[in-house]
Amino acid sequence: MSELSSILIKSKMSGLPVIDKGGELVGFVSERDVITSLAQSSIMKKKVKDIMTKKVISVKKETSVEEISKIFSEKSIRCLPVLDGGRLVGTILRKAVIDRLLGYYY
C-alpha cells in the first residue's frame, strides 16, 4: 500500500486503473478508496485489490468529449480509464476535458 501511495503522490493522479497480467482492466483505485480504507483500518496491511473499485466506469477510445463530459458531470470521479476491446489504452482526466472544452470555446 505504501507503493500505491507513493505512485499516486509522484504521478499527481487522483486515481489509477488496475490491470491484470493480460492487460484487462480489473479495477480502479482512487484517493477516495485510500482515505476510506484508512478510516476503517490499518491500510498498510491491505493490498490494492482489497480497496479498489471493481465496478469501474470506463469509456471506449471512440467516445466523444461531450459524452465524457456528461459522465464527469454525473459521477463523482476525476479519471476515466479508456479501453479498446476491453484492454486499457489510457486514461482521461476531468481536468483534460475542461482544458479541451475551454480551449474550444475561448
PDB file of N, CA and C in Angstrom:
ATOM      1  N   MET A   1       0.817  -1.186   0.000  1.00  0.00           N
ATOM      2  CA  MET A   1       0.000   0.000   0.000  1.00  0.00           C
ATOM      3  C   MET A   1       0.864   1.255   0.000  1.00  0.00           C
ATOM      4  N   SER A   2       2.022   1.197   0.619  1.00  0.00           N
ATOM      5  CA  SER A   2       2.898   2.366   0.597  1.00  0.00           C
ATOM      6  C   SER A   2       3.371   2.639  -0.830  1.00  0.00           C
ATOM      7  N   GLU A   3       3.538   1.583  -1.625  1.00  0.00           N
ATOM      8  CA  GLU A   3       3.929   1.764  -3.026  1.00  0.00           C
ATOM      9  C   GLU A   3       2.825   2.497  -3.795  1.00  0.00           C
ATOM     10  N   LEU A   4       1.584   2.110  -3.565  1.00  0.00           N
ATOM     11  CA  LEU A   4       0.456   2.784  -4.208  1.00  0.00           C
ATOM     12  C   LEU A   4       0.418   4.251  -3.823  1.00  0.00           C
ATOM     13  N   SER A   5       0.553   4.536  -2.547  1.00  0.00           N
ATOM     14  CA  SER A   5       0.527   5.923  -2.082  1.00  0.00           C
ATOM     15  C   SER A   5       1.640   6.728  -2.736  1.00  0.00           C
ATOM     16  N   SER A   6       2.810   6.143  -2.821  1.00  0.00           N
ATOM     17  CA  SER A   6       3.950   6.809  -3.442  1.00  0.00           C
ATOM     18  C   SER A   6       3.683   7.099  -4.924  1.00  0.00           C
ATOM     19  N   ILE A   7       3.101   6.131  -5.634  1.00  0.00           N
ATOM     20  CA  ILE A   7       2.786   6.318  -7.059  1.00  0.00           C
ATOM     21  C   ILE A   7       1.745   7.420  -7.239  1.00  0.00           C
ATOM     22  N   LEU A   8       0.712   7.422  -6.412  1.00  0.00           N
ATOM     23  CA  LEU A   8      -0.315   8.465  -6.514  1.00  0.00           C
ATOM     24  C   LEU A   8       0.283   9.858  -6.277  1.00  0.00           C
ATOM     25  N   ILE A   9       1.156   9.960  -5.288  1.00  0.00           N
ATOM     26  CA  ILE A   9       1.767  11.250  -4.977  1.00  0.00           C
ATOM     27  C   ILE A   9       2.705  11.693  -6.095  1.00  0.00           C
ATOM     28  N   LYS A  10       3.574  10.804  -6.538  1.00  0.00           N
ATOM     29  CA  LYS A  10       4.553  11.168  -7.570  1.00  0.00           C
ATOM     30  C   LYS A  10       3.904  11.472  -8.913  1.00  0.00           C
ATOM     31  N   SER A  11       2.857  10.748  -9.250  1.00  0.00           N
ATOM     32  CA  SER A  11       2.202  10.953 -10.544  1.00  0.00           C
ATOM     33  C   SER A  11       1.227  12.124 -10.529  1.00  0.00           C
ATOM     34  N   LYS A  12       0.893  12.612  -9.329  1.00  0.00           N
ATOM     35  CA  LYS A  12      -0.089  13.680  -9.153  1.00  0.00           C
ATOM     36  C   LYS A  12      -1.439  13.301  -9.752  1.00  0.00           C
ATOM     37  N   MET A  13      -1.728  11.995  -9.702  1.00  0.00           N
ATOM     38  CA  MET A  13      -3.004  11.472 -10.195  1.00  0.00           C
ATOM     39  C   MET A  13      -3.920  11.246  -8.997  1.00  0.00           C
ATOM     40  N   SER A  14      -5.215  11.391  -9.217  1.00  0.00           N
ATOM     41  CA  SER A  14      -6.172  11.157  -8.139  1.00  0.00           C
ATOM     42  C   SER A  14      -6.616   9.702  -8.085  1.00  0.00           C
ATOM     43  N   GLY A  15      -6.192   8.920  -9.075  1.00  0.00           N
ATOM     44  CA  GLY A  15      -6.523   7.505  -9.108  1.00  0.00           C
ATOM     45  C   GLY A  15      -5.826   6.830 -10.265  1.00  0.00           C
ATOM     46  N   LEU A  16      -5.803   5.509 -10.210  1.00  0.00           N
ATOM     47  CA  LEU A  16      -5.111   4.732 -11.238  1.00  0.00           C
ATOM     48  C   LEU A  16      -5.895   3.473 -11.578  1.00  0.00           C
ATOM     49  N   PRO A  17      -5.880   3.096 -12.859  1.00  0.00           N
ATOM     50  CA  PRO A  17      -6.511   1.831 -13.239  1.00  0.00           C
ATOM     51  C   PRO A  17      -5.670   0.660 -12.737  1.00  0.00           C
ATOM     52  N   VAL A  18      -6.344  -0.453 -12.467  1.00  0.00           N
ATOM     53  CA  VAL A  18      -5.673  -1.682 -12.060  1.00  0.00           C
ATOM     54  C   VAL A  18      -5.920  -2.711 -13.159  1.00  0.00           C
ATOM     55  N   ILE A  19      -4.854  -3.255 -13.715  1.00  0.00           N
ATOM     56  CA  ILE A  19      -4.993  -4.228 -14.796  1.00  0.00           C
ATOM     57  C   ILE A  19      -4.387  -5.565 -14.385  1.00  0.00           C
ATOM     58  N   ASP A  20      -4.871  -6.624 -15.022  1.00  0.00           N
ATOM     59  CA  ASP A  20      -4.302  -7.945 -14.755  1.00  0.00           C
ATOM     60  C   ASP A  20      -3.112  -8.178 -15.688  1.00  0.00           C
ATOM     61  N   LYS A  21      -2.499  -9.346 -15.605  1.00  0.00           N
ATOM     62  CA  LYS A  21      -1.315  -9.649 -16.406  1.00  0.00           C
ATOM     63  C   LYS A  21      -1.600  -9.628 -17.898  1.00  0.00           C
ATOM     64  N   GLY A  22      -2.854  -9.817 -18.297  1.00  0.00           N
ATOM     65  CA  GLY A  22      -3.234  -9.792 -19.700  1.00  0.00           C
ATOM     66  C   GLY A  22      -3.603  -8.405 -20.207  1.00  0.00           C
ATOM     67  N   GLY A  23      -3.486  -7.404 -19.342  1.00  0.00           N
ATOM     68  CA  GLY A  23      -3.804  -6.042 -19.742  1.00  0.00           C
ATOM     69  C   GLY A  23      -5.266  -5.678 -19.615  1.00  0.00           C
ATOM     70  N   GLU A  24      -6.073  -6.567 -19.033  1.00  0.00           N
ATOM     71  CA  GLU A  24      -7.505  -6.305 -18.861  1.00  0.00           C
ATOM     72  C   GLU A  24      -7.738  -5.453 -17.612  1.00  0.00           C
ATOM     73  N   LEU A  25      -8.636  -4.492 -17.720  1.00  0.00           N
ATOM     74  CA  LEU A  25      -9.000  -3.645 -16.591  1.00  0.00           C
ATOM     75  C   LEU A  25      -9.780  -4.468 -15.571  1.00  0.00           C
ATOM     76  N   VAL A  26      -9.296  -4.504 -14.331  1.00  0.00           N
ATOM     77  CA  VAL A  26      -9.983  -5.271 -13.289  1.00  0.00           C
ATOM     78  C   VAL A  26     -10.473  -4.389 -12.146  1.00  0.00           C
ATOM     79  N   GLY A  27     -10.045  -3.132 -12.143  1.00  0.00           N
ATOM     80  CA  GLY A  27     -10.474  -2.239 -11.078  1.00  0.00           C
ATOM     81  C   GLY A  27      -9.863  -0.869 -11.240  1.00  0.00           C
ATOM     82  N   PHE A  28     -10.188  -0.008 -10.295  1.00  0.00           N
ATOM     83  CA  PHE A  28      -9.652   1.354 -10.271  1.00  0.00           C
ATOM     84  C   PHE A  28      -9.472   1.719  -8.813  1.00  0.00           C
ATOM     85  N   VAL A  29      -8.328   2.275  -8.476  1.00  0.00           N
ATOM     86  CA  VAL A  29      -8.077   2.677  -7.092  1.00  0.00           C
ATOM     87  C   VAL A  29      -7.869   4.189  -7.063  1.00  0.00           C
ATOM     88  N   SER A  30      -8.611   4.842  -6.187  1.00  0.00           N
ATOM     89  CA  SER A  30      -8.591   6.298  -6.122  1.00  0.00           C
ATOM     90  C   SER A  30      -8.143   6.776  -4.745  1.00  0.00           C
ATOM     91  N   GLU A  31      -7.881   8.076  -4.688  1.00  0.00           N
ATOM     92  CA  GLU A  31      -7.560   8.679  -3.387  1.00  0.00           C
ATOM     93  C   GLU A  31      -8.698   8.409  -2.404  1.00  0.00           C
ATOM     94  N   ARG A  32      -9.919   8.456  -2.893  1.00  0.00           N
ATOM     95  CA  ARG A  32     -11.081   8.219  -2.037  1.00  0.00           C
ATOM     96  C   ARG A  32     -11.050   6.800  -1.456  1.00  0.00           C
ATOM     97  N   ASP A  33     -10.664   5.813  -2.291  1.00  0.00           N
ATOM     98  CA  ASP A  33     -10.554   4.435  -1.800  1.00  0.00           C
ATOM     99  C   ASP A  33      -9.519   4.347  -0.685  1.00  0.00           C
ATOM    100  N   VAL A  34      -8.406   5.033  -0.856  1.00  0.00           N
ATOM    101  CA  VAL A  34      -7.330   5.015   0.146  1.00  0.00           C
ATOM    102  C   VAL A  34      -7.811   5.667   1.437  1.00  0.00           C
ATOM    103  N   ILE A  35      -8.432   6.837   1.317  1.00  0.00           N
ATOM    104  CA  ILE A  35      -8.922   7.551   2.509  1.00  0.00           C
ATOM    105  C   ILE A  35      -9.985   6.737   3.239  1.00  0.00           C
ATOM    106  N   THR A  36     -10.909   6.155   2.500  1.00  0.00           N
ATOM    107  CA  THR A  36     -11.956   5.327   3.110  1.00  0.00           C
ATOM    108  C   THR A  36     -11.347   4.158   3.857  1.00  0.00           C
ATOM    109  N   SER A  37     -10.362   3.516   3.250  1.00  0.00           N
ATOM    110  CA  SER A  37      -9.707   2.382   3.885  1.00  0.00           C
ATOM    111  C   SER A  37      -8.940   2.817   5.128  1.00  0.00           C
ATOM    112  N   LEU A  38      -8.317   3.977   5.078  1.00  0.00           N
ATOM    113  CA  LEU A  38      -7.590   4.497   6.253  1.00  0.00           C
ATOM    114  C   LEU A  38      -8.530   4.685   7.431  1.00  0.00           C
ATOM    115  N   ALA A  39      -9.729   5.168   7.136  1.00  0.00           N
ATOM    116  CA  ALA A  39     -10.697   5.422   8.199  1.00  0.00           C
ATOM    117  C   ALA A  39     -11.207   4.123   8.823  1.00  0.00           C
ATOM    118  N   GLN A  40     -11.135   3.028   8.067  1.00  0.00           N
ATOM    119  CA  GLN A  40     -11.686   1.760   8.541  1.00  0.00           C
ATOM    120  C   GLN A  40     -10.669   0.888   9.277  1.00  0.00           C
ATOM    121  N   SER A  41      -9.413   0.928   8.855  1.00  0.00           N
ATOM    122  CA  SER A  41      -8.420   0.059   9.482  1.00  0.00           C
ATOM    123  C   SER A  41      -7.020   0.447   9.034  1.00  0.00           C
ATOM    124  N   SER A  42      -6.072  -0.356   9.426  1.00  0.00           N
ATOM    125  CA  SER A  42      -4.685  -0.122   9.035  1.00  0.00           C
ATOM    126  C   SER A  42      -4.506  -0.467   7.554  1.00  0.00           C
ATOM    127  N   ILE A  43      -4.367   0.545   6.756  1.00  0.00           N
ATOM    128  CA  ILE A  43      -4.311   0.360   5.311  1.00  0.00           C
ATOM    129  C   ILE A  43      -3.027  -0.325   4.845  1.00  0.00           C
ATOM    130  N   MET A  44      -1.953  -0.172   5.580  1.00  0.00           N
ATOM    131  CA  MET A  44      -0.675  -0.713   5.124  1.00  0.00           C
ATOM    132  C   MET A  44      -0.674  -2.243   5.065  1.00  0.00           C
ATOM    133  N   LYS A  45      -1.617  -2.877   5.726  1.00  0.00           N
ATOM    134  CA  LYS A  45      -1.699  -4.339   5.685  1.00  0.00           C
ATOM    135  C   LYS A  45      -2.532  -4.823   4.502  1.00  0.00           C
ATOM    136  N   LYS A  46      -3.188  -3.911   3.817  1.00  0.00           N
ATOM    137  CA  LYS A  46      -4.067  -4.286   2.714  1.00  0.00           C
ATOM    138  C   LYS A  46      -3.333  -4.244   1.385  1.00  0.00           C
ATOM    139  N   LYS A  47      -3.933  -4.915   0.408  1.00  0.00           N
ATOM    140  CA  LYS A  47      -3.429  -4.897  -0.959  1.00  0.00           C
ATOM    141  C   LYS A  47      -4.361  -4.036  -1.796  1.00  0.00           C
ATOM    142  N   VAL A  48      -3.860  -3.585  -2.950  1.00  0.00           N
ATOM    143  CA  VAL A  48      -4.665  -2.749  -3.825  1.00  0.00           C
ATOM    144  C   VAL A  48      -5.991  -3.431  -4.152  1.00  0.00           C
ATOM    145  N   LYS A  49      -5.962  -4.728  -4.420  1.00  0.00           N
ATOM    146  CA  LYS A  49      -7.191  -5.441  -4.784  1.00  0.00           C
ATOM    147  C   LYS A  49      -8.229  -5.406  -3.667  1.00  0.00           C
ATOM    148  N   ASP A  50      -7.777  -5.175  -2.421  1.00  0.00           N
ATOM    149  CA  ASP A  50      -8.699  -5.122  -1.288  1.00  0.00           C
ATOM    150  C   ASP A  50      -9.473  -3.805  -1.216  1.00  0.00           C
ATOM    151  N   ILE A  51      -8.927  -2.746  -1.781  1.00  0.00           N
ATOM    152  CA  ILE A  51      -9.579  -1.440  -1.653  1.00  0.00           C
ATOM    153  C   ILE A  51     -10.055  -0.857  -2.976  1.00  0.00           C
ATOM    154  N   MET A  52      -9.647  -1.438  -4.108  1.00  0.00           N
ATOM    155  CA  MET A  52     -10.004  -0.867  -5.410  1.00  0.00           C
ATOM    156  C   MET A  52     -11.494  -1.002  -5.690  1.00  0.00           C
ATOM    157  N   THR A  53     -11.982  -0.116  -6.519  1.00  0.00           N
ATOM    158  CA  THR A  53     -13.349  -0.187  -7.025  1.00  0.00           C
ATOM    159  C   THR A  53     -13.369  -1.220  -8.144  1.00  0.00           C
ATOM    160  N   LYS A  54     -14.251  -2.202  -8.028  1.00  0.00           N
ATOM    161  CA  LYS A  54     -14.273  -3.282  -9.021  1.00  0.00           C
ATOM    162  C   LYS A  54     -15.243  -3.022 -10.173  1.00  0.00           C
ATOM    163  N   LYS A  55     -16.290  -2.255  -9.904  1.00  0.00           N
ATOM    164  CA  LYS A  55     -17.237  -1.886 -10.968  1.00  0.00           C
ATOM    165  C   LYS A  55     -16.794  -0.526 -11.511  1.00  0.00           C
ATOM    166  N   VAL A  56     -15.920  -0.580 -12.491  1.00  0.00           N
ATOM    167  CA  VAL A  56     -15.270   0.619 -12.988  1.00  0.00           C
ATOM    168  C   VAL A  56     -16.076   1.264 -14.119  1.00  0.00           C
ATOM    169  N   ILE A  57     -16.241   2.562 -14.023  1.00  0.00           N
ATOM    170  CA  ILE A  57     -16.826   3.326 -15.119  1.00  0.00           C
ATOM    171  C   ILE A  57     -15.676   3.607 -16.080  1.00  0.00           C
ATOM    172  N   SER A  58     -15.860   3.230 -17.333  1.00  0.00           N
ATOM    173  CA  SER A  58     -14.802   3.439 -18.329  1.00  0.00           C
ATOM    174  C   SER A  58     -15.435   3.901 -19.635  1.00  0.00           C
ATOM    175  N   VAL A  59     -14.587   4.309 -20.565  1.00  0.00           N
ATOM    176  CA  VAL A  59     -15.050   4.730 -21.888  1.00  0.00           C
ATOM    177  C   VAL A  59     -14.230   4.008 -22.954  1.00  0.00           C
ATOM    178  N   LYS A  60     -14.777   3.969 -24.148  1.00  0.00           N
ATOM    179  CA  LYS A  60     -14.048   3.418 -25.288  1.00  0.00           C
ATOM    180  C   LYS A  60     -13.231   4.541 -25.919  1.00  0.00           C
ATOM    181  N   LYS A  61     -12.211   4.165 -26.666  1.00  0.00           N
ATOM    182  CA  LYS A  61     -11.363   5.198 -27.258  1.00  0.00           C
ATOM    183  C   LYS A  61     -12.111   6.065 -28.265  1.00  0.00           C
ATOM    184  N   GLU A  62     -13.243   5.599 -28.761  1.00  0.00           N
ATOM    185  CA  GLU A  62     -14.045   6.354 -29.721  1.00  0.00           C
ATOM    186  C   GLU A  62     -15.038   7.311 -29.048  1.00  0.00           C
ATOM    187  N   THR A  63     -15.139   7.276 -27.736  1.00  0.00           N
ATOM    188  CA  THR A  63     -16.118   8.093 -27.013  1.00  0.00           C
ATOM    189  C   THR A  63     -15.822   9.577 -27.218  1.00  0.00           C
ATOM    190  N   SER A  64     -16.858  10.346 -27.487  1.00  0.00           N
ATOM    191  CA  SER A  64     -16.686  11.784 -27.732  1.00  0.00           C
ATOM    192  C   SER A  64     -16.398  12.541 -26.430  1.00  0.00           C
ATOM    193  N   VAL A  65     -15.794  13.701 -26.594  1.00  0.00           N
ATOM    194  CA  VAL A  65     -15.506  14.559 -25.447  1.00  0.00           C
ATOM    195  C   VAL A  65     -16.820  14.970 -24.768  1.00  0.00           C
ATOM    196  N   GLU A  66     -17.843  15.181 -25.552  1.00  0.00           N
ATOM    197  CA  GLU A  66     -19.136  15.562 -24.987  1.00  0.00           C
ATOM    198  C   GLU A  66     -19.706  14.447 -24.103  1.00  0.00           C
ATOM    199  N   GLU A  67     -19.610  13.204 -24.566  1.00  0.00           N
ATOM    200  CA  GLU A  67     -20.087  12.074 -23.757  1.00  0.00           C
ATOM    201  C   GLU A  67     -19.264  11.930 -22.482  1.00  0.00           C
ATOM    202  N   ILE A  68     -17.968  12.114 -22.606  1.00  0.00           N
ATOM    203  CA  ILE A  68     -17.082  12.029 -21.433  1.00  0.00           C
ATOM    204  C   ILE A  68     -17.423  13.143 -20.444  1.00  0.00           C
ATOM    205  N   SER A  69     -17.694  14.342 -20.944  1.00  0.00           N
ATOM    206  CA  SER A  69     -18.084  15.464 -20.081  1.00  0.00           C
ATOM    207  C   SER A  69     -19.329  15.127 -19.286  1.00  0.00           C
ATOM    208  N   LYS A  70     -20.284  14.493 -19.956  1.00  0.00           N
ATOM    209  CA  LYS A  70     -21.532  14.118 -19.293  1.00  0.00           C
ATOM    210  C   LYS A  70     -21.261  13.130 -18.155  1.00  0.00           C
ATOM    211  N   ILE A  71     -20.391  12.158 -18.401  1.00  0.00           N
ATOM    212  CA  ILE A  71     -20.049  11.179 -17.351  1.00  0.00           C
ATOM    213  C   ILE A  71     -19.427  11.902 -16.163  1.00  0.00           C
ATOM    214  N   PHE A  72     -18.471  12.792 -16.440  1.00  0.00           N
ATOM    215  CA  PHE A  72     -17.828  13.526 -15.346  1.00  0.00           C
ATOM    216  C   PHE A  72     -18.826  14.394 -14.587  1.00  0.00           C
ATOM    217  N   SER A  73     -19.801  14.961 -15.271  1.00  0.00           N
ATOM    218  CA  SER A  73     -20.768  15.823 -14.586  1.00  0.00           C
ATOM    219  C   SER A  73     -21.763  15.015 -13.748  1.00  0.00           C
ATOM    220  N   GLU A  74     -22.010  13.767 -14.143  1.00  0.00           N
ATOM    221  CA  GLU A  74     -22.993  12.943 -13.430  1.00  0.00           C
ATOM    222  C   GLU A  74     -22.384  12.075 -12.332  1.00  0.00           C
ATOM    223  N   LYS A  75     -21.102  11.790 -12.438  1.00  0.00           N
ATOM    224  CA  LYS A  75     -20.441  10.895 -11.475  1.00  0.00           C
ATOM    225  C   LYS A  75     -19.392  11.671 -10.687  1.00  0.00           C
ATOM    226  N   SER A  76     -19.126  11.217  -9.507  1.00  0.00           N
ATOM    227  CA  SER A  76     -18.120  11.864  -8.666  1.00  0.00           C
ATOM    228  C   SER A  76     -16.758  11.193  -8.883  1.00  0.00           C
ATOM    229  N   ILE A  77     -16.237  11.362 -10.097  1.00  0.00           N
ATOM    230  CA  ILE A  77     -14.945  10.779 -10.447  1.00  0.00           C
ATOM    231  C   ILE A  77     -14.078  11.816 -11.130  1.00  0.00           C
ATOM    232  N   ARG A  78     -12.784  11.618 -11.102  1.00  0.00           N
ATOM    233  CA  ARG A  78     -11.848  12.559 -11.710  1.00  0.00           C
ATOM    234  C   ARG A  78     -11.074  11.970 -12.872  1.00  0.00           C
ATOM    235  N   CYS A  79     -11.154  10.656 -13.030  1.00  0.00           N
ATOM    236  CA  CYS A  79     -10.355   9.976 -14.040  1.00  0.00           C
ATOM    237  C   CYS A  79     -11.140   8.803 -14.611  1.00  0.00           C
ATOM    238  N   LEU A  80     -11.069   8.650 -15.935  1.00  0.00           N
ATOM    239  CA  LEU A  80     -11.750   7.545 -16.602  1.00  0.00           C
ATOM    240  C   LEU A  80     -10.739   6.688 -17.352  1.00  0.00           C
ATOM    241  N   PRO A  81     -10.751   5.383 -17.139  1.00  0.00           N
ATOM    242  CA  PRO A  81      -9.935   4.500 -17.973  1.00  0.00           C
ATOM    243  C   PRO A  81     -10.498   4.473 -19.395  1.00  0.00           C
ATOM    244  N   VAL A  82      -9.625   4.427 -20.376  1.00  0.00           N
ATOM    245  CA  VAL A  82     -10.020   4.354 -21.777  1.00  0.00           C
ATOM    246  C   VAL A  82      -9.665   2.953 -22.273  1.00  0.00           C
ATOM    247  N   LEU A  83     -10.671   2.262 -22.836  1.00  0.00           N
ATOM    248  CA  LEU A  83     -10.491   0.883 -23.270  1.00  0.00           C
ATOM    249  C   LEU A  83     -10.624   0.735 -24.778  1.00  0.00           C
ATOM    250  N   ASP A  84      -9.929  -0.252 -25.295  1.00  0.00           N
ATOM    251  CA  ASP A  84     -10.051  -0.660 -26.697  1.00  0.00           C
ATOM    252  C   ASP A  84     -10.173  -2.175 -26.683  1.00  0.00           C
ATOM    253  N   GLY A  85     -11.385  -2.671 -26.940  1.00  0.00           N
ATOM    254  CA  GLY A  85     -11.605  -4.113 -26.886  1.00  0.00           C
ATOM    255  C   GLY A  85     -11.384  -4.702 -25.509  1.00  0.00           C
ATOM    256  N   GLY A  86     -11.697  -3.950 -24.474  1.00  0.00           N
ATOM    257  CA  GLY A  86     -11.537  -4.433 -23.105  1.00  0.00           C
ATOM    258  C   GLY A  86     -10.148  -4.221 -22.524  1.00  0.00           C
ATOM    259  N   ARG A  87      -9.213  -3.794 -23.330  1.00  0.00           N
ATOM    260  CA  ARG A  87      -7.841  -3.572 -22.863  1.00  0.00           C
ATOM    261  C   ARG A  87      -7.619  -2.086 -22.587  1.00  0.00           C
ATOM    262  N   LEU A  88      -6.918  -1.805 -21.513  1.00  0.00           N
ATOM    263  CA  LEU A  88      -6.616  -0.430 -21.137  1.00  0.00           C
ATOM    264  C   LEU A  88      -5.641   0.178 -22.141  1.00  0.00           C
ATOM    265  N   VAL A  89      -6.021   1.327 -22.707  1.00  0.00           N
ATOM    266  CA  VAL A  89      -5.121   2.021 -23.640  1.00  0.00           C
ATOM    267  C   VAL A  89      -4.775   3.425 -23.150  1.00  0.00           C
ATOM    268  N   GLY A  90      -5.395   3.840 -22.047  1.00  0.00           N
ATOM    269  CA  GLY A  90      -5.084   5.158 -21.499  1.00  0.00           C
ATOM    270  C   GLY A  90      -6.073   5.568 -20.431  1.00  0.00           C
ATOM    271  N   THR A  91      -5.901   6.782 -19.968  1.00  0.00           N
ATOM    272  CA  THR A  91      -6.829   7.370 -19.008  1.00  0.00           C
ATOM    273  C   THR A  91      -7.093   8.801 -19.444  1.00  0.00           C
ATOM    274  N   ILE A  92      -8.234   9.307 -19.057  1.00  0.00           N
ATOM    275  CA  ILE A  92      -8.539  10.712 -19.335  1.00  0.00           C
ATOM    276  C   ILE A  92      -8.964  11.364 -18.030  1.00  0.00           C
ATOM    277  N   LEU A  93      -8.386  12.512 -17.763  1.00  0.00           N
ATOM    278  CA  LEU A  93      -8.666  13.250 -16.538  1.00  0.00           C
ATOM    279  C   LEU A  93      -9.764  14.278 -16.774  1.00  0.00           C
ATOM    280  N   ARG A  94     -10.531  14.528 -15.729  1.00  0.00           N
ATOM    281  CA  ARG A  94     -11.565  15.551 -15.803  1.00  0.00           C
ATOM    282  C   ARG A  94     -10.955  16.899 -16.187  1.00  0.00           C
ATOM    283  N   LYS A  95      -9.786  17.181 -15.650  1.00  0.00           N
ATOM    284  CA  LYS A  95      -9.094  18.432 -15.957  1.00  0.00           C
ATOM    285  C   LYS A  95      -8.774  18.533 -17.452  1.00  0.00           C
ATOM    286  N   ALA A  96      -8.400  17.440 -18.082  1.00  0.00           N
ATOM    287  CA  ALA A  96      -8.079  17.456 -19.513  1.00  0.00           C
ATOM    288  C   ALA A  96      -9.312  17.806 -20.342  1.00  0.00           C
ATOM    289  N   VAL A  97     -10.466  17.313 -19.921  1.00  0.00           N
ATOM    290  CA  VAL A  97     -11.711  17.628 -20.628  1.00  0.00           C
ATOM    291  C   VAL A  97     -12.036  19.103 -20.477  1.00  0.00           C
ATOM    292  N   ILE A  98     -11.881  19.619 -19.267  1.00  0.00           N
ATOM    293  CA  ILE A  98     -12.134  21.044 -19.028  1.00  0.00           C
ATOM    294  C   ILE A  98     -11.191  21.885 -19.888  1.00  0.00           C
ATOM    295  N   ASP A  99      -9.909  21.539 -19.892  1.00  0.00           N
ATOM    296  CA  ASP A  99      -8.937  22.273 -20.702  1.00  0.00           C
ATOM    297  C   ASP A  99      -9.313  22.231 -22.178  1.00  0.00           C
ATOM    298  N   ARG A 100      -9.736  21.069 -22.654  1.00  0.00           N
ATOM    299  CA  ARG A 100     -10.110  20.911 -24.064  1.00  0.00           C
ATOM    300  C   ARG A 100     -11.332  21.757 -24.407  1.00  0.00           C
ATOM    301  N   LEU A 101     -12.338  21.703 -23.535  1.00  0.00           N
ATOM    302  CA  LEU A 101     -13.558  22.460 -23.795  1.00  0.00           C
ATOM    303  C   LEU A 101     -13.315  23.967 -23.699  1.00  0.00           C
ATOM    304  N   LEU A 102     -12.540  24.394 -22.735  1.00  0.00           N
ATOM    305  CA  LEU A 102     -12.246  25.819 -22.623  1.00  0.00           C
ATOM    306  C   LEU A 102     -11.437  26.288 -23.821  1.00  0.00           C
ATOM    307  N   GLY A 103     -10.525  25.480 -24.280  1.00  0.00           N
ATOM    308  CA  GLY A 103      -9.737  25.816 -25.464  1.00  0.00           C
ATOM    309  C   GLY A 103     -10.596  25.921 -26.694  1.00  0.00           C
ATOM    310  N   TYR A 104     -11.635  25.099 -26.748  1.00  0.00           N
ATOM    311  CA  TYR A 104     -12.553  25.097 -27.891  1.00  0.00           C
ATOM    312  C   TYR A 104     -13.404  26.369 -27.905  1.00  0.00           C
ATOM    313  N   TYR A 105     -13.871  26.761 -26.735  1.00  0.00           N
ATOM    314  CA  TYR A 105     -14.778  27.897 -26.650  1.00  0.00           C
ATOM    315  C   TYR A 105     -14.063  29.243 -26.527  1.00  0.00           C
ATOM    316  N   TYR A 106     -12.808  29.227 -26.101  1.00  0.00           N
ATOM    317  CA  TYR A 106     -12.102  30.505 -25.885  1.00  0.00           C
ATOM    318  C   TYR A 106     -10.880  30.563 -26.734  1.00  0.00           C
TER     319      TYR A 106
END
